[in-house]
Amino acid sequence: MQRLIIKSIHEHGFGFAFTHKEHDEVFLPKKILAEAGITSLKPADELIGAVIPNYKDKLDGGCKWILTEIGYAHTFAEDE
């Protein structure tokens, strides 16, 4: 499991993060987020998750990793 910091979430439910130590980009599939019950993320929120190499996205130099499992999610409350 790795610590991931949310970079962006698309309106269709998928997103992107980067690994905390290496700063490699990680693709966050909508299905994995939905299965974990995560419905709302924003930049700077954090996940602890398992990642594997993303072989599907190598031709265009896309994300090096893809999220396969979420162990923990921390979202920051909005300032009031």
N, C-alpha and C. Protein backbone atom coordinates (compact mmCIF):
# COMPACT_ATOMS: atom_id res chain seq x y z
N MET A 1 0.85 -1.18 0.00
CA MET A 1 0.00 0.00 0.00
C MET A 1 0.90 1.24 0.00
N GLN A 2 0.46 2.22 -0.75
CA GLN A 2 1.21 3.47 -0.85
C GLN A 2 0.31 4.65 -0.49
N ARG A 3 0.93 5.70 -0.02
CA ARG A 3 0.21 6.95 0.25
C ARG A 3 0.10 7.72 -1.06
N LEU A 4 -1.13 8.08 -1.41
CA LEU A 4 -1.41 8.80 -2.66
C LEU A 4 -2.06 10.13 -2.34
N ILE A 5 -1.65 11.15 -3.05
CA ILE A 5 -2.23 12.48 -2.88
C ILE A 5 -3.02 12.81 -4.14
N ILE A 6 -4.29 13.16 -3.96
CA ILE A 6 -5.18 13.43 -5.09
C ILE A 6 -4.70 14.66 -5.85
N LYS A 7 -4.64 14.50 -7.17
CA LYS A 7 -4.27 15.59 -8.07
C LYS A 7 -5.52 16.20 -8.69
N SER A 8 -6.41 15.34 -9.19
CA SER A 8 -7.66 15.83 -9.78
C SER A 8 -8.66 14.69 -9.88
N ILE A 9 -9.93 15.06 -9.88
CA ILE A 9 -11.03 14.11 -10.06
C ILE A 9 -11.89 14.63 -11.21
N HIS A 10 -12.14 13.77 -12.18
CA HIS A 10 -12.95 14.14 -13.34
C HIS A 10 -14.43 14.05 -12.98
N GLU A 11 -15.25 14.82 -13.66
CA GLU A 11 -16.69 14.81 -13.39
C GLU A 11 -17.34 13.46 -13.66
N HIS A 12 -16.68 12.59 -14.42
CA HIS A 12 -17.22 11.25 -14.70
C HIS A 12 -16.80 10.22 -13.67
N GLY A 13 -16.08 10.62 -12.62
CA GLY A 13 -15.80 9.74 -11.51
C GLY A 13 -14.41 9.14 -11.41
N PHE A 14 -13.61 9.21 -12.47
CA PHE A 14 -12.23 8.72 -12.37
C PHE A 14 -11.34 9.87 -11.93
N GLY A 15 -10.10 9.56 -11.62
CA GLY A 15 -9.22 10.64 -11.18
C GLY A 15 -7.75 10.30 -11.34
N PHE A 16 -6.94 11.22 -10.82
CA PHE A 16 -5.49 11.08 -10.88
C PHE A 16 -4.91 11.50 -9.53
N ALA A 17 -3.84 10.82 -9.16
CA ALA A 17 -3.14 11.15 -7.93
C ALA A 17 -1.65 11.01 -8.21
N PHE A 18 -0.83 11.31 -7.22
CA PHE A 18 0.58 11.01 -7.35
C PHE A 18 1.07 10.36 -6.07
N THR A 19 2.10 9.52 -6.22
CA THR A 19 2.64 8.82 -5.06
C THR A 19 3.37 9.83 -4.19
N HIS A 20 3.27 9.62 -2.89
CA HIS A 20 3.85 10.57 -1.94
C HIS A 20 5.37 10.67 -2.05
N LYS A 21 6.04 9.54 -2.18
CA LYS A 21 7.51 9.56 -2.19
C LYS A 21 8.11 9.81 -3.57
N GLU A 22 7.64 9.08 -4.57
CA GLU A 22 8.25 9.16 -5.90
C GLU A 22 7.64 10.22 -6.79
N HIS A 23 6.45 10.68 -6.45
CA HIS A 23 5.70 11.67 -7.25
C HIS A 23 5.34 11.14 -8.64
N ASP A 24 5.16 9.81 -8.75
CA ASP A 24 4.70 9.20 -10.00
C ASP A 24 3.18 9.36 -10.08
N GLU A 25 2.68 9.56 -11.30
CA GLU A 25 1.24 9.72 -11.48
C GLU A 25 0.53 8.36 -11.42
N VAL A 26 -0.66 8.36 -10.79
CA VAL A 26 -1.46 7.14 -10.62
C VAL A 26 -2.87 7.41 -11.15
N PHE A 27 -3.37 6.50 -11.98
CA PHE A 27 -4.75 6.59 -12.47
C PHE A 27 -5.67 5.97 -11.44
N LEU A 28 -6.78 6.65 -11.13
CA LEU A 28 -7.77 6.18 -10.16
C LEU A 28 -9.04 5.80 -10.91
N PRO A 29 -9.26 4.52 -11.17
CA PRO A 29 -10.46 4.11 -11.91
C PRO A 29 -11.75 4.38 -11.12
N LYS A 30 -12.78 4.77 -11.84
CA LYS A 30 -14.08 5.05 -11.23
C LYS A 30 -14.59 3.84 -10.46
N LYS A 31 -14.44 2.64 -11.02
CA LYS A 31 -14.94 1.43 -10.38
C LYS A 31 -14.30 1.20 -9.01
N ILE A 32 -13.01 1.41 -8.88
CA ILE A 32 -12.31 1.21 -7.60
C ILE A 32 -12.78 2.24 -6.57
N LEU A 33 -12.93 3.49 -6.99
CA LEU A 33 -13.41 4.53 -6.08
C LEU A 33 -14.83 4.23 -5.61
N ALA A 34 -15.69 3.81 -6.55
CA ALA A 34 -17.09 3.52 -6.22
C ALA A 34 -17.21 2.31 -5.29
N GLU A 35 -16.43 1.27 -5.55
CA GLU A 35 -16.46 0.08 -4.71
C GLU A 35 -16.05 0.38 -3.27
N ALA A 36 -15.19 1.38 -3.09
CA ALA A 36 -14.74 1.76 -1.75
C ALA A 36 -15.72 2.74 -1.09
N GLY A 37 -16.77 3.12 -1.83
CA GLY A 37 -17.76 4.05 -1.28
C GLY A 37 -17.31 5.49 -1.27
N ILE A 38 -16.30 5.80 -2.08
CA ILE A 38 -15.79 7.17 -2.15
C ILE A 38 -16.55 7.93 -3.22
N THR A 39 -17.27 8.95 -2.81
CA THR A 39 -18.09 9.71 -3.75
C THR A 39 -17.60 11.14 -3.93
N SER A 40 -16.72 11.59 -3.07
CA SER A 40 -16.28 12.98 -3.16
C SER A 40 -14.82 13.10 -2.74
N LEU A 41 -13.98 13.48 -3.68
CA LEU A 41 -12.57 13.75 -3.41
C LEU A 41 -12.22 15.08 -4.05
N LYS A 42 -11.22 15.73 -3.52
CA LYS A 42 -10.73 16.98 -4.10
C LYS A 42 -9.21 17.00 -4.01
N PRO A 43 -8.55 17.88 -4.74
CA PRO A 43 -7.09 17.94 -4.67
C PRO A 43 -6.61 18.09 -3.22
N ALA A 44 -5.52 17.38 -2.93
CA ALA A 44 -4.84 17.34 -1.63
C ALA A 44 -5.43 16.31 -0.67
N ASP A 45 -6.61 15.71 -0.98
CA ASP A 45 -7.09 14.59 -0.17
C ASP A 45 -6.10 13.44 -0.35
N GLU A 46 -6.11 12.51 0.58
CA GLU A 46 -5.15 11.41 0.54
C GLU A 46 -5.83 10.05 0.57
N LEU A 47 -5.20 9.10 -0.10
CA LEU A 47 -5.63 7.70 -0.10
C LEU A 47 -4.43 6.84 0.27
N ILE A 48 -4.70 5.71 0.88
CA ILE A 48 -3.70 4.66 1.03
C ILE A 48 -4.22 3.53 0.15
N GLY A 49 -3.44 3.14 -0.84
CA GLY A 49 -3.93 2.14 -1.77
C GLY A 49 -2.83 1.32 -2.40
N ALA A 50 -3.25 0.22 -3.00
CA ALA A 50 -2.33 -0.66 -3.73
C ALA A 50 -2.31 -0.24 -5.19
N VAL A 51 -1.12 -0.15 -5.76
CA VAL A 51 -0.98 0.22 -7.17
C VAL A 51 -0.16 -0.84 -7.90
N ILE A 52 -0.43 -0.98 -9.18
CA ILE A 52 0.33 -1.87 -10.04
C ILE A 52 0.72 -1.10 -11.30
N PRO A 53 1.72 -1.59 -12.05
CA PRO A 53 2.07 -0.90 -13.30
C PRO A 53 0.88 -0.83 -14.25
N ASN A 54 0.74 0.30 -14.91
CA ASN A 54 -0.37 0.53 -15.83
C ASN A 54 0.10 0.24 -17.26
N TYR A 55 0.04 -1.02 -17.65
CA TYR A 55 0.52 -1.42 -18.98
C TYR A 55 -0.38 -0.93 -20.11
N LYS A 56 -1.63 -0.67 -19.84
CA LYS A 56 -2.56 -0.23 -20.88
C LYS A 56 -2.23 1.17 -21.40
N ASP A 57 -1.62 2.00 -20.59
CA ASP A 57 -1.44 3.41 -20.93
C ASP A 57 0.01 3.75 -21.29
N LYS A 58 0.80 2.78 -21.73
CA LYS A 58 2.21 3.03 -22.00
C LYS A 58 2.48 3.65 -23.37
N LEU A 59 1.59 3.46 -24.32
CA LEU A 59 1.86 3.92 -25.67
C LEU A 59 1.93 5.44 -25.78
N ASP A 60 1.14 6.15 -24.98
CA ASP A 60 1.15 7.61 -25.09
C ASP A 60 1.86 8.28 -23.91
N GLY A 61 2.63 7.51 -23.13
CA GLY A 61 3.38 8.08 -22.02
C GLY A 61 2.50 8.53 -20.88
N GLY A 62 1.36 7.90 -20.70
CA GLY A 62 0.40 8.28 -19.66
C GLY A 62 0.84 7.88 -18.27
N CYS A 63 -0.11 7.55 -17.43
CA CYS A 63 0.15 7.21 -16.02
C CYS A 63 0.99 5.94 -15.90
N LYS A 64 1.98 6.01 -15.06
CA LYS A 64 2.86 4.86 -14.83
C LYS A 64 2.18 3.79 -13.99
N TRP A 65 1.23 4.17 -13.12
CA TRP A 65 0.60 3.26 -12.17
C TRP A 65 -0.92 3.36 -12.25
N ILE A 66 -1.59 2.28 -11.78
CA ILE A 66 -3.05 2.29 -11.69
C ILE A 66 -3.44 1.74 -10.31
N LEU A 67 -4.42 2.36 -9.69
CA LEU A 67 -4.91 1.95 -8.38
C LEU A 67 -5.74 0.69 -8.51
N THR A 68 -5.49 -0.30 -7.63
CA THR A 68 -6.25 -1.55 -7.66
C THR A 68 -7.03 -1.80 -6.39
N GLU A 69 -6.69 -1.12 -5.31
CA GLU A 69 -7.36 -1.33 -4.03
C GLU A 69 -7.15 -0.11 -3.14
N ILE A 70 -8.17 0.22 -2.36
CA ILE A 70 -8.07 1.33 -1.42
C ILE A 70 -8.14 0.77 -0.01
N GLY A 71 -7.16 1.16 0.81
CA GLY A 71 -7.14 0.72 2.19
C GLY A 71 -7.67 1.77 3.14
N TYR A 72 -7.52 3.05 2.78
CA TYR A 72 -7.93 4.14 3.65
C TYR A 72 -8.04 5.40 2.82
N ALA A 73 -8.99 6.26 3.16
CA ALA A 73 -9.13 7.55 2.49
C ALA A 73 -9.30 8.64 3.53
N HIS A 74 -8.60 9.75 3.34
CA HIS A 74 -8.74 10.90 4.25
C HIS A 74 -9.08 12.12 3.41
N THR A 75 -10.20 12.73 3.72
CA THR A 75 -10.58 13.95 3.03
C THR A 75 -10.51 15.11 4.01
N PHE A 76 -10.12 16.25 3.52
CA PHE A 76 -10.00 17.43 4.34
C PHE A 76 -11.31 18.21 4.33
N ALA A 77 -11.75 18.66 5.49
CA ALA A 77 -12.98 19.46 5.58
C ALA A 77 -12.72 20.81 4.93
N GLU A 78 -13.76 21.33 4.32
CA GLU A 78 -13.63 22.65 3.71
C GLU A 78 -13.64 23.72 4.78
N ASP A 79 -12.86 24.77 4.55
CA ASP A 79 -12.86 25.90 5.49
C ASP A 79 -14.18 26.60 5.46
N GLU A 80 -14.65 27.00 6.62
CA GLU A 80 -15.92 27.70 6.67
C GLU A 80 -15.73 29.18 6.79
